[in-house]
Amino acid sequence: MSNTTYTEDFIESLYTKIGILLPHQLDVNEIACRLGILLYFWDNPSQVLFLGGRAYIFLNQDLSPKQMWQDFCHELCHVLLHCGSQEKMPYSWIEYQEWKANNFMVQACVPTFMLNNITLPGNEDKAIQLIQDLFNVEWDLAYKRLEQYKNNKFIHELNANTLKMYGNNNHTI
């Protein structure tokens, strides 16, 4: 698949720059360390704080490893793509940032460039289980990511077939 989104390209570039190339390397502590992000575990909901020019990710220590990985990727988006406190932002802007962070989380937990290197079983249940196991994510996220991946692949193939059938003529009617 060669048509990727900005988010997919950003994640591939980020992970490649810090030497994260395989699913078993997707580790909260390792990624935080390589990015210079200070990581803390506490009893409250996960969040990001920026203090003195440094990013701190606070993760809820009561989460399962899969939930913690997913929370980390959500908070990582806030560190990398957002700035400032949400306290004085309009609610609609907070919703937008949270939507973007959730989308980023899905892509960062199960990166496209890594999925492209895996042979997924034809059976959907087995494919979901494989994604869960390889990327340490919950069933809901594995299912959502598989659906995204299959849909994007289908669209790409449809576009390629359309170009083959009709050529790359830029005729307008």
N, C-alpha and C. Protein backbone atom coordinates (compact mmCIF):
# COMPACT_ATOMS: atom_id res chain seq x y z
N MET A 1 0.85 -1.17 0.00
CA MET A 1 0.00 0.00 0.00
C MET A 1 0.90 1.23 0.00
N SER A 2 0.72 2.10 -0.99
CA SER A 2 1.60 3.26 -1.07
C SER A 2 0.88 4.56 -0.73
N ASN A 3 -0.43 4.57 -0.69
CA ASN A 3 -1.17 5.77 -0.31
C ASN A 3 -1.39 5.76 1.19
N THR A 4 -0.70 6.64 1.87
CA THR A 4 -0.83 6.71 3.32
C THR A 4 -1.22 8.12 3.73
N THR A 5 -1.71 8.24 4.93
CA THR A 5 -2.12 9.54 5.45
C THR A 5 -0.91 10.25 6.07
N TYR A 6 -1.12 11.52 6.35
CA TYR A 6 -0.08 12.29 7.03
C TYR A 6 0.28 11.64 8.36
N THR A 7 -0.74 11.21 9.10
CA THR A 7 -0.49 10.59 10.41
C THR A 7 0.33 9.32 10.26
N GLU A 8 -0.02 8.47 9.30
CA GLU A 8 0.73 7.24 9.07
C GLU A 8 2.19 7.54 8.72
N ASP A 9 2.38 8.52 7.83
CA ASP A 9 3.74 8.90 7.43
C ASP A 9 4.52 9.48 8.61
N PHE A 10 3.85 10.31 9.41
CA PHE A 10 4.49 10.92 10.58
C PHE A 10 4.95 9.84 11.55
N ILE A 11 4.09 8.87 11.83
CA ILE A 11 4.42 7.79 12.77
C ILE A 11 5.56 6.94 12.23
N GLU A 12 5.52 6.61 10.95
CA GLU A 12 6.61 5.83 10.37
C GLU A 12 7.93 6.58 10.47
N SER A 13 7.92 7.86 10.14
CA SER A 13 9.14 8.67 10.22
C SER A 13 9.64 8.75 11.66
N LEU A 14 8.75 9.01 12.60
CA LEU A 14 9.11 9.10 14.01
C LEU A 14 9.73 7.81 14.51
N TYR A 15 9.03 6.70 14.32
CA TYR A 15 9.52 5.41 14.80
C TYR A 15 10.83 5.03 14.12
N THR A 16 10.95 5.30 12.84
CA THR A 16 12.18 4.96 12.12
C THR A 16 13.35 5.77 12.67
N LYS A 17 13.14 7.06 12.91
CA LYS A 17 14.21 7.92 13.45
C LYS A 17 14.71 7.45 14.80
N ILE A 18 13.83 6.85 15.60
CA ILE A 18 14.27 6.40 16.93
C ILE A 18 14.54 4.89 16.96
N GLY A 19 14.57 4.27 15.78
CA GLY A 19 14.95 2.86 15.69
C GLY A 19 13.89 1.87 16.13
N ILE A 20 12.63 2.28 16.08
CA ILE A 20 11.52 1.38 16.40
C ILE A 20 10.97 0.87 15.07
N LEU A 21 11.33 -0.36 14.72
CA LEU A 21 11.00 -0.88 13.39
C LEU A 21 10.12 -2.13 13.40
N LEU A 22 10.04 -2.79 14.54
CA LEU A 22 9.31 -4.05 14.64
C LEU A 22 8.31 -4.00 15.80
N PRO A 23 7.22 -4.76 15.69
CA PRO A 23 6.19 -4.71 16.73
C PRO A 23 6.70 -4.97 18.15
N HIS A 24 7.67 -5.87 18.31
CA HIS A 24 8.13 -6.16 19.67
C HIS A 24 8.90 -4.99 20.30
N GLN A 25 9.26 -3.99 19.49
CA GLN A 25 9.95 -2.80 20.00
C GLN A 25 8.98 -1.72 20.49
N LEU A 26 7.70 -1.91 20.25
CA LEU A 26 6.70 -0.93 20.66
C LEU A 26 6.49 -1.04 22.17
N ASP A 27 7.25 -0.26 22.90
CA ASP A 27 7.27 -0.34 24.35
C ASP A 27 7.21 1.08 24.93
N VAL A 28 6.31 1.27 25.86
CA VAL A 28 6.09 2.57 26.50
C VAL A 28 7.40 3.17 27.02
N ASN A 29 8.13 2.42 27.82
CA ASN A 29 9.36 2.93 28.43
C ASN A 29 10.42 3.23 27.38
N GLU A 30 10.57 2.34 26.42
CA GLU A 30 11.60 2.51 25.39
C GLU A 30 11.33 3.74 24.52
N ILE A 31 10.10 3.88 24.08
CA ILE A 31 9.77 5.02 23.22
C ILE A 31 9.90 6.33 24.00
N ALA A 32 9.41 6.37 25.23
CA ALA A 32 9.54 7.58 26.05
C ALA A 32 11.01 7.95 26.22
N CYS A 33 11.84 6.97 26.53
CA CYS A 33 13.27 7.20 26.72
C CYS A 33 13.91 7.75 25.45
N ARG A 34 13.64 7.11 24.32
CA ARG A 34 14.25 7.53 23.05
C ARG A 34 13.79 8.91 22.61
N LEU A 35 12.60 9.33 23.06
CA LEU A 35 12.09 10.65 22.70
C LEU A 35 12.38 11.70 23.77
N GLY A 36 13.00 11.29 24.87
CA GLY A 36 13.31 12.24 25.94
C GLY A 36 12.09 12.70 26.71
N ILE A 37 11.09 11.86 26.76
CA ILE A 37 9.86 12.17 27.51
C ILE A 37 9.95 11.50 28.87
N LEU A 38 9.70 12.26 29.92
CA LEU A 38 9.72 11.69 31.26
C LEU A 38 8.38 11.01 31.53
N LEU A 39 8.46 9.81 32.04
CA LEU A 39 7.28 8.97 32.23
C LEU A 39 7.09 8.68 33.71
N TYR A 40 5.86 8.88 34.18
CA TYR A 40 5.52 8.60 35.57
C TYR A 40 4.24 7.78 35.62
N PHE A 41 4.11 6.99 36.67
CA PHE A 41 2.92 6.17 36.87
C PHE A 41 2.25 6.63 38.16
N TRP A 42 0.95 6.81 38.10
CA TRP A 42 0.22 7.30 39.26
C TRP A 42 -1.20 6.74 39.29
N ASP A 43 -1.98 7.15 40.31
CA ASP A 43 -3.33 6.61 40.52
C ASP A 43 -4.42 7.38 39.78
N ASN A 44 -4.10 8.47 39.15
CA ASN A 44 -5.08 9.32 38.47
C ASN A 44 -5.16 8.98 36.98
N PRO A 45 -6.14 9.58 36.28
CA PRO A 45 -6.22 9.35 34.83
C PRO A 45 -4.95 9.81 34.12
N SER A 46 -4.63 9.14 33.03
CA SER A 46 -3.44 9.47 32.25
C SER A 46 -3.55 10.88 31.68
N GLN A 47 -2.41 11.58 31.65
CA GLN A 47 -2.38 12.92 31.09
C GLN A 47 -0.96 13.36 30.81
N VAL A 48 -0.84 14.49 30.12
CA VAL A 48 0.46 15.08 29.80
C VAL A 48 0.58 16.40 30.53
N LEU A 49 1.78 16.67 31.01
CA LEU A 49 2.09 17.99 31.56
C LEU A 49 3.36 18.49 30.90
N PHE A 50 3.40 19.79 30.64
CA PHE A 50 4.60 20.43 30.12
C PHE A 50 5.11 21.36 31.21
N LEU A 51 6.30 21.08 31.70
CA LEU A 51 6.90 21.90 32.76
C LEU A 51 8.34 22.24 32.39
N GLY A 52 8.64 23.52 32.41
CA GLY A 52 10.01 23.94 32.13
C GLY A 52 10.53 23.44 30.78
N GLY A 53 9.67 23.42 29.79
CA GLY A 53 10.09 23.00 28.47
C GLY A 53 10.21 21.49 28.29
N ARG A 54 9.83 20.72 29.27
CA ARG A 54 9.89 19.25 29.19
C ARG A 54 8.49 18.67 29.18
N ALA A 55 8.37 17.56 28.49
CA ALA A 55 7.09 16.84 28.45
C ALA A 55 7.12 15.71 29.46
N TYR A 56 6.06 15.59 30.21
CA TYR A 56 5.89 14.51 31.18
C TYR A 56 4.59 13.79 30.85
N ILE A 57 4.68 12.49 30.69
CA ILE A 57 3.47 11.69 30.52
C ILE A 57 3.23 10.94 31.82
N PHE A 58 2.05 11.16 32.38
CA PHE A 58 1.62 10.46 33.59
C PHE A 58 0.61 9.41 33.17
N LEU A 59 0.92 8.14 33.44
CA LEU A 59 0.02 7.04 33.08
C LEU A 59 -0.60 6.44 34.33
N ASN A 60 -1.86 6.11 34.22
CA ASN A 60 -2.55 5.46 35.33
C ASN A 60 -1.96 4.08 35.53
N GLN A 61 -1.41 3.85 36.71
CA GLN A 61 -0.71 2.59 37.00
C GLN A 61 -1.65 1.40 37.16
N ASP A 62 -2.95 1.64 37.27
CA ASP A 62 -3.90 0.54 37.45
C ASP A 62 -4.38 -0.06 36.13
N LEU A 63 -3.94 0.50 35.01
CA LEU A 63 -4.36 -0.01 33.71
C LEU A 63 -3.64 -1.31 33.38
N SER A 64 -4.27 -2.12 32.55
CA SER A 64 -3.60 -3.32 32.04
C SER A 64 -2.48 -2.88 31.09
N PRO A 65 -1.51 -3.74 30.80
CA PRO A 65 -0.45 -3.36 29.86
C PRO A 65 -1.00 -2.90 28.51
N LYS A 66 -2.05 -3.53 28.02
CA LYS A 66 -2.64 -3.13 26.74
C LYS A 66 -3.28 -1.74 26.84
N GLN A 67 -4.02 -1.50 27.91
CA GLN A 67 -4.64 -0.19 28.10
C GLN A 67 -3.58 0.89 28.29
N MET A 68 -2.51 0.54 29.01
CA MET A 68 -1.43 1.50 29.25
C MET A 68 -0.75 1.88 27.94
N TRP A 69 -0.51 0.89 27.06
CA TRP A 69 0.11 1.16 25.76
C TRP A 69 -0.79 2.09 24.95
N GLN A 70 -2.08 1.83 24.97
CA GLN A 70 -3.02 2.65 24.22
C GLN A 70 -3.09 4.07 24.80
N ASP A 71 -3.14 4.19 26.12
CA ASP A 71 -3.13 5.52 26.75
C ASP A 71 -1.84 6.27 26.43
N PHE A 72 -0.72 5.56 26.48
CA PHE A 72 0.56 6.19 26.17
C PHE A 72 0.54 6.79 24.77
N CYS A 73 0.06 6.04 23.80
CA CYS A 73 0.04 6.54 22.42
C CYS A 73 -0.90 7.73 22.27
N HIS A 74 -2.01 7.72 23.00
CA HIS A 74 -2.92 8.87 23.00
C HIS A 74 -2.21 10.10 23.55
N GLU A 75 -1.57 9.94 24.69
CA GLU A 75 -0.87 11.07 25.32
C GLU A 75 0.33 11.51 24.48
N LEU A 76 0.96 10.56 23.80
CA LEU A 76 2.10 10.89 22.94
C LEU A 76 1.69 11.87 21.85
N CYS A 77 0.49 11.71 21.33
CA CYS A 77 -0.01 12.67 20.34
C CYS A 77 -0.04 14.07 20.91
N HIS A 78 -0.53 14.21 22.14
CA HIS A 78 -0.58 15.53 22.76
C HIS A 78 0.82 16.12 22.90
N VAL A 79 1.79 15.29 23.23
CA VAL A 79 3.18 15.76 23.37
C VAL A 79 3.72 16.23 22.02
N LEU A 80 3.49 15.44 20.98
CA LEU A 80 4.12 15.69 19.69
C LEU A 80 3.38 16.71 18.83
N LEU A 81 2.06 16.76 18.92
CA LEU A 81 1.29 17.56 17.97
C LEU A 81 0.46 18.68 18.59
N HIS A 82 0.36 18.72 19.90
CA HIS A 82 -0.44 19.76 20.55
C HIS A 82 0.45 20.52 21.54
N CYS A 83 0.03 21.70 21.90
CA CYS A 83 0.80 22.43 22.91
C CYS A 83 -0.15 23.22 23.79
N GLY A 84 0.31 23.51 24.96
CA GLY A 84 -0.48 24.31 25.88
C GLY A 84 -1.49 23.50 26.66
N SER A 85 -2.13 24.18 27.56
CA SER A 85 -3.13 23.57 28.43
C SER A 85 -4.51 23.66 27.79
N GLN A 86 -5.30 22.62 27.97
CA GLN A 86 -6.66 22.62 27.44
C GLN A 86 -7.63 23.38 28.35
N GLU A 87 -7.16 23.81 29.52
CA GLU A 87 -8.05 24.43 30.50
C GLU A 87 -8.82 25.64 29.98
N LYS A 88 -8.18 26.46 29.14
CA LYS A 88 -8.82 27.68 28.66
C LYS A 88 -9.27 27.59 27.20
N MET A 89 -9.22 26.40 26.64
CA MET A 89 -9.63 26.21 25.25
C MET A 89 -11.14 26.04 25.16
N PRO A 90 -11.72 26.47 24.03
CA PRO A 90 -13.14 26.18 23.81
C PRO A 90 -13.36 24.66 23.78
N TYR A 91 -14.52 24.25 24.23
CA TYR A 91 -14.83 22.82 24.30
C TYR A 91 -14.69 22.14 22.93
N SER A 92 -15.10 22.82 21.87
CA SER A 92 -15.01 22.23 20.53
C SER A 92 -13.55 21.97 20.14
N TRP A 93 -12.64 22.82 20.58
CA TRP A 93 -11.22 22.61 20.27
C TRP A 93 -10.66 21.44 21.08
N ILE A 94 -11.09 21.31 22.30
CA ILE A 94 -10.67 20.17 23.13
C ILE A 94 -11.17 18.87 22.48
N GLU A 95 -12.44 18.87 22.05
CA GLU A 95 -12.98 17.69 21.37
C GLU A 95 -12.16 17.33 20.14
N TYR A 96 -11.78 18.35 19.37
CA TYR A 96 -10.98 18.13 18.16
C TYR A 96 -9.63 17.52 18.53
N GLN A 97 -8.96 18.08 19.53
CA GLN A 97 -7.66 17.53 19.94
C GLN A 97 -7.80 16.10 20.43
N GLU A 98 -8.85 15.81 21.16
CA GLU A 98 -9.05 14.44 21.66
C GLU A 98 -9.35 13.48 20.51
N TRP A 99 -10.13 13.93 19.54
CA TRP A 99 -10.40 13.10 18.36
C TRP A 99 -9.09 12.79 17.63
N LYS A 100 -8.27 13.83 17.44
CA LYS A 100 -6.97 13.62 16.77
C LYS A 100 -6.08 12.68 17.57
N ALA A 101 -6.06 12.85 18.89
CA ALA A 101 -5.23 11.99 19.73
C ALA A 101 -5.71 10.54 19.69
N ASN A 102 -7.02 10.34 19.63
CA ASN A 102 -7.55 8.97 19.54
C ASN A 102 -7.20 8.34 18.19
N ASN A 103 -7.30 9.11 17.12
CA ASN A 103 -6.91 8.59 15.80
C ASN A 103 -5.42 8.29 15.77
N PHE A 104 -4.61 9.19 16.30
CA PHE A 104 -3.16 8.98 16.37
C PHE A 104 -2.86 7.71 17.16
N MET A 105 -3.56 7.53 18.26
CA MET A 105 -3.33 6.36 19.12
C MET A 105 -3.53 5.07 18.34
N VAL A 106 -4.60 4.98 17.58
CA VAL A 106 -4.88 3.77 16.80
C VAL A 106 -3.73 3.50 15.83
N GLN A 107 -3.28 4.55 15.17
CA GLN A 107 -2.20 4.41 14.17
C GLN A 107 -0.85 4.13 14.84
N ALA A 108 -0.58 4.77 15.97
CA ALA A 108 0.71 4.59 16.65
C ALA A 108 0.81 3.23 17.33
N CYS A 109 -0.31 2.72 17.83
CA CYS A 109 -0.31 1.40 18.47
C CYS A 109 -0.07 0.29 17.45
N VAL A 110 -0.64 0.46 16.27
CA VAL A 110 -0.54 -0.55 15.21
C VAL A 110 -0.15 0.18 13.92
N PRO A 111 1.14 0.50 13.76
CA PRO A 111 1.59 1.31 12.62
C PRO A 111 1.40 0.60 11.27
N THR A 112 0.98 1.37 10.29
CA THR A 112 0.76 0.82 8.95
C THR A 112 2.02 0.19 8.38
N PHE A 113 3.16 0.85 8.55
CA PHE A 113 4.38 0.31 7.95
C PHE A 113 4.75 -1.04 8.55
N MET A 114 4.34 -1.31 9.77
CA MET A 114 4.57 -2.62 10.37
C MET A 114 3.51 -3.62 9.89
N LEU A 115 2.26 -3.17 9.78
CA LEU A 115 1.20 -4.04 9.28
C LEU A 115 1.50 -4.51 7.86
N ASN A 116 2.09 -3.61 7.07
CA ASN A 116 2.42 -3.96 5.68
C ASN A 116 3.40 -5.12 5.59
N ASN A 117 4.17 -5.35 6.63
CA ASN A 117 5.18 -6.41 6.62
C ASN A 117 4.69 -7.71 7.25
N ILE A 118 3.40 -7.77 7.54
CA ILE A 118 2.82 -8.95 8.19
C ILE A 118 1.83 -9.60 7.23
N THR A 119 1.86 -10.90 7.17
CA THR A 119 0.85 -11.63 6.41
C THR A 119 -0.32 -11.91 7.36
N LEU A 120 -1.40 -11.22 7.12
CA LEU A 120 -2.58 -11.38 7.97
C LEU A 120 -3.39 -12.59 7.51
N PRO A 121 -3.88 -13.39 8.44
CA PRO A 121 -4.74 -14.51 8.07
C PRO A 121 -6.01 -14.02 7.37
N GLY A 122 -6.55 -14.83 6.49
CA GLY A 122 -7.79 -14.47 5.81
C GLY A 122 -8.98 -14.47 6.74
N ASN A 123 -8.92 -15.25 7.79
CA ASN A 123 -9.99 -15.31 8.78
C ASN A 123 -9.90 -14.07 9.68
N GLU A 124 -10.99 -13.31 9.73
CA GLU A 124 -10.97 -12.05 10.48
C GLU A 124 -10.66 -12.24 11.96
N ASP A 125 -11.25 -13.24 12.59
CA ASP A 125 -10.99 -13.47 14.02
C ASP A 125 -9.52 -13.77 14.27
N LYS A 126 -8.91 -14.56 13.39
CA LYS A 126 -7.49 -14.87 13.55
C LYS A 126 -6.62 -13.65 13.28
N ALA A 127 -7.02 -12.82 12.32
CA ALA A 127 -6.27 -11.60 12.03
C ALA A 127 -6.33 -10.64 13.22
N ILE A 128 -7.51 -10.51 13.82
CA ILE A 128 -7.66 -9.65 15.00
C ILE A 128 -6.79 -10.18 16.14
N GLN A 129 -6.82 -11.48 16.36
CA GLN A 129 -6.01 -12.08 17.42
C GLN A 129 -4.52 -11.85 17.17
N LEU A 130 -4.09 -11.98 15.92
CA LEU A 130 -2.68 -11.74 15.58
C LEU A 130 -2.29 -10.30 15.88
N ILE A 131 -3.14 -9.36 15.49
CA ILE A 131 -2.85 -7.94 15.76
C ILE A 131 -2.81 -7.70 17.27
N GLN A 132 -3.75 -8.28 18.01
CA GLN A 132 -3.74 -8.15 19.47
C GLN A 132 -2.42 -8.64 20.05
N ASP A 133 -2.00 -9.81 19.61
CA ASP A 133 -0.79 -10.44 20.16
C ASP A 133 0.48 -9.70 19.76
N LEU A 134 0.60 -9.34 18.48
CA LEU A 134 1.83 -8.69 18.01
C LEU A 134 1.99 -7.27 18.54
N PHE A 135 0.87 -6.54 18.64
CA PHE A 135 0.95 -5.13 18.98
C PHE A 135 0.48 -4.81 20.40
N ASN A 136 0.13 -5.84 21.16
CA ASN A 136 -0.26 -5.67 22.56
C ASN A 136 -1.40 -4.67 22.74
N VAL A 137 -2.47 -4.87 21.95
CA VAL A 137 -3.64 -3.99 22.03
C VAL A 137 -4.88 -4.80 22.37
N GLU A 138 -5.91 -4.10 22.83
CA GLU A 138 -7.17 -4.74 23.16
C GLU A 138 -7.93 -5.12 21.89
N TRP A 139 -8.90 -6.02 22.05
CA TRP A 139 -9.67 -6.53 20.91
C TRP A 139 -10.31 -5.41 20.11
N ASP A 140 -10.96 -4.44 20.80
CA ASP A 140 -11.66 -3.35 20.11
C ASP A 140 -10.72 -2.56 19.20
N LEU A 141 -9.54 -2.27 19.70
CA LEU A 141 -8.58 -1.51 18.90
C LEU A 141 -8.07 -2.36 17.74
N ALA A 142 -7.79 -3.64 17.98
CA ALA A 142 -7.31 -4.52 16.91
C ALA A 142 -8.36 -4.63 15.80
N TYR A 143 -9.62 -4.76 16.20
CA TYR A 143 -10.71 -4.83 15.22
C TYR A 143 -10.80 -3.54 14.42
N LYS A 144 -10.80 -2.41 15.11
CA LYS A 144 -10.91 -1.10 14.45
C LYS A 144 -9.75 -0.90 13.48
N ARG A 145 -8.55 -1.24 13.92
CA ARG A 145 -7.36 -1.03 13.07
C ARG A 145 -7.40 -1.94 11.85
N LEU A 146 -7.83 -3.19 12.04
CA LEU A 146 -7.93 -4.11 10.90
C LEU A 146 -8.94 -3.57 9.89
N GLU A 147 -10.07 -3.08 10.36
CA GLU A 147 -11.08 -2.52 9.44
C GLU A 147 -10.52 -1.32 8.69
N GLN A 148 -9.83 -0.42 9.39
CA GLN A 148 -9.20 0.73 8.73
C GLN A 148 -8.22 0.27 7.66
N TYR A 149 -7.38 -0.66 8.04
CA TYR A 149 -6.34 -1.16 7.15
C TYR A 149 -6.95 -1.80 5.90
N LYS A 150 -7.95 -2.65 6.09
CA LYS A 150 -8.60 -3.31 4.95
C LYS A 150 -9.30 -2.28 4.06
N ASN A 151 -9.99 -1.32 4.65
CA ASN A 151 -10.68 -0.29 3.87
C ASN A 151 -9.70 0.55 3.06
N ASN A 152 -8.59 0.95 3.68
CA ASN A 152 -7.58 1.73 2.97
C ASN A 152 -6.96 0.94 1.83
N LYS A 153 -6.72 -0.33 2.08
CA LYS A 153 -6.15 -1.20 1.05
C LYS A 153 -7.14 -1.35 -0.11
N PHE A 154 -8.43 -1.53 0.21
CA PHE A 154 -9.46 -1.66 -0.82
C PHE A 154 -9.54 -0.39 -1.66
N ILE A 155 -9.56 0.77 -1.02
CA ILE A 155 -9.63 2.05 -1.74
C ILE A 155 -8.42 2.21 -2.65
N HIS A 156 -7.23 1.88 -2.14
CA HIS A 156 -6.01 1.98 -2.94
C HIS A 156 -6.09 1.07 -4.16
N GLU A 157 -6.53 -0.17 -3.97
CA GLU A 157 -6.66 -1.11 -5.09
C GLU A 157 -7.72 -0.64 -6.08
N LEU A 158 -8.82 -0.11 -5.58
CA LEU A 158 -9.88 0.41 -6.45
C LEU A 158 -9.35 1.57 -7.30
N ASN A 159 -8.62 2.49 -6.67
CA ASN A 159 -8.04 3.60 -7.42
C ASN A 159 -7.05 3.12 -8.47
N ALA A 160 -6.21 2.16 -8.10
CA ALA A 160 -5.22 1.62 -9.04
C ALA A 160 -5.92 0.95 -10.22
N ASN A 161 -6.96 0.18 -9.95
CA ASN A 161 -7.70 -0.50 -11.03
C ASN A 161 -8.42 0.50 -11.92
N THR A 162 -8.95 1.56 -11.34
CA THR A 162 -9.62 2.59 -12.12
C THR A 162 -8.63 3.28 -13.04
N LEU A 163 -7.44 3.58 -12.53
CA LEU A 163 -6.41 4.19 -13.37
C LEU A 163 -6.00 3.26 -14.50
N LYS A 164 -5.91 1.96 -14.22
CA LYS A 164 -5.57 0.99 -15.27
C LYS A 164 -6.64 0.97 -16.35
N MET A 165 -7.90 0.97 -15.91
CA MET A 165 -9.01 0.88 -16.86
C MET A 165 -9.15 2.13 -17.71
N TYR A 166 -9.03 3.28 -17.09
CA TYR A 166 -9.32 4.53 -17.78
C TYR A 166 -8.10 5.38 -18.05
N GLY A 167 -6.96 4.92 -17.60
CA GLY A 167 -5.74 5.69 -17.80
C GLY A 167 -5.70 6.89 -16.89
N ASN A 168 -4.65 7.61 -17.01
CA ASN A 168 -4.47 8.80 -16.17
C ASN A 168 -4.79 10.04 -16.98
N ASN A 169 -5.86 9.99 -17.75
CA ASN A 169 -6.27 11.14 -18.56
C ASN A 169 -6.95 12.16 -17.67
N ASN A 170 -6.60 13.38 -17.87
CA ASN A 170 -7.20 14.45 -17.07
C ASN A 170 -8.29 15.16 -17.87
N HIS A 171 -9.20 14.38 -18.44
CA HIS A 171 -10.29 14.95 -19.21
C HIS A 171 -11.41 15.38 -18.28
N THR A 172 -11.97 16.50 -18.59
CA THR A 172 -13.14 16.94 -17.84
C THR A 172 -14.34 16.95 -18.77
N ILE A 173 -15.48 16.78 -18.21
CA ILE A 173 -16.71 16.76 -19.02
C ILE A 173 -17.46 18.04 -18.82
